[in-house]
Protein backbone atom coordinates (compact mmCIF):
# COMPACT_ATOMS: atom_id res chain seq x y z
CA MET A 1 -90.93 -9.94 -90.63
CA SER A 2 -88.36 -9.13 -93.28
CA VAL A 3 -86.51 -5.85 -93.62
CA SER A 4 -86.39 -4.31 -97.09
CA THR A 5 -83.39 -2.69 -98.70
CA ASP A 6 -85.17 0.68 -98.37
CA ASP A 7 -85.61 0.11 -94.62
CA ASN A 8 -81.91 -0.72 -94.28
CA ALA A 9 -80.95 2.39 -96.24
CA ARG A 10 -83.13 4.62 -94.04
CA ARG A 11 -81.70 3.08 -90.90
CA LEU A 12 -78.14 3.48 -92.14
CA ASP A 13 -78.93 7.09 -93.05
CA VAL A 14 -80.04 7.90 -89.49
CA LEU A 15 -76.93 6.22 -88.03
CA VAL A 16 -74.67 8.25 -90.33
CA ALA A 17 -76.55 11.46 -89.48
CA ILE A 18 -76.06 10.80 -85.76
CA GLU A 19 -72.32 10.21 -86.18
CA GLU A 20 -71.99 13.38 -88.27
CA LEU A 21 -73.87 15.39 -85.65
CA LYS A 22 -71.72 13.95 -82.84
CA ALA A 23 -68.58 14.95 -84.72
CA ALA A 24 -69.86 18.47 -85.45
CA LEU A 25 -70.84 18.96 -81.82
CA ALA A 26 -67.49 17.58 -80.61
CA ALA A 27 -65.72 20.21 -82.72
CA HIS A 28 -67.39 22.75 -80.41
CA ASN A 29 -66.67 20.69 -77.27
CA ILE A 30 -70.36 19.77 -76.96
CA THR A 31 -71.66 16.34 -75.99
CA LEU A 32 -75.34 15.44 -75.90
CA PRO A 33 -75.34 12.35 -73.64
CA SER A 34 -78.72 11.14 -74.85
CA LEU A 35 -78.05 11.62 -78.57
CA GLY A 36 -79.14 8.51 -80.41
CA ILE A 37 -81.85 6.79 -82.39
CA ASP A 38 -85.51 7.12 -81.48
CA ALA A 39 -86.24 3.43 -80.90
CA MET A 40 -89.91 3.59 -81.80
CA THR A 41 -89.28 5.07 -85.24
CA PHE A 42 -86.17 2.96 -85.84
CA LEU A 43 -88.15 -0.24 -85.40
CA GLY A 44 -91.05 0.93 -87.56
CA SER A 45 -91.15 1.09 -91.31
CA VAL A 46 -93.78 3.79 -91.88
CA ALA A 47 -91.56 6.86 -91.62
CA PRO A 48 -87.83 7.49 -91.65
CA PRO A 49 -86.25 6.90 -88.23
CA LEU A 50 -85.82 10.00 -86.09
CA VAL A 51 -82.78 11.25 -84.23
CA GLU A 52 -83.36 11.54 -80.48
CA LEU A 53 -81.47 14.59 -79.25
CA GLY A 54 -82.28 13.85 -75.64
CA ARG A 55 -81.65 16.00 -72.63
CA CYS A 56 -78.71 18.13 -71.59
CA ASN A 57 -77.68 20.36 -68.71
CA PRO A 58 -77.83 24.18 -68.90
CA GLU A 59 -74.09 24.48 -69.62
CA THR A 60 -74.40 22.23 -72.65
CA ALA A 61 -77.50 24.12 -73.81
CA ARG A 62 -75.55 27.38 -73.64
CA LYS A 63 -72.61 25.89 -75.57
CA LEU A 64 -75.02 24.64 -78.23
CA THR A 65 -76.70 28.03 -78.43
CA GLU A 66 -73.36 29.77 -78.83
CA ALA A 67 -72.21 27.35 -81.53
CA LEU A 68 -75.42 27.96 -83.48
CA ARG A 69 -75.00 31.72 -83.30
């Protein structure tokens, strides 16, 4: 199975988006431990890969809520 240039571009796009989100969250002292790529969509070629935000504890949820306000 070969990977097209479009597939590579979509995968790179999701990786860049994740790094940008990590940096923006870090500016507010927020870390989402499970932040990463949704493996099922990353391996597929039907839709753009999704970002998996994962789980966090209540303190992190509150920090995220405050940053968004």
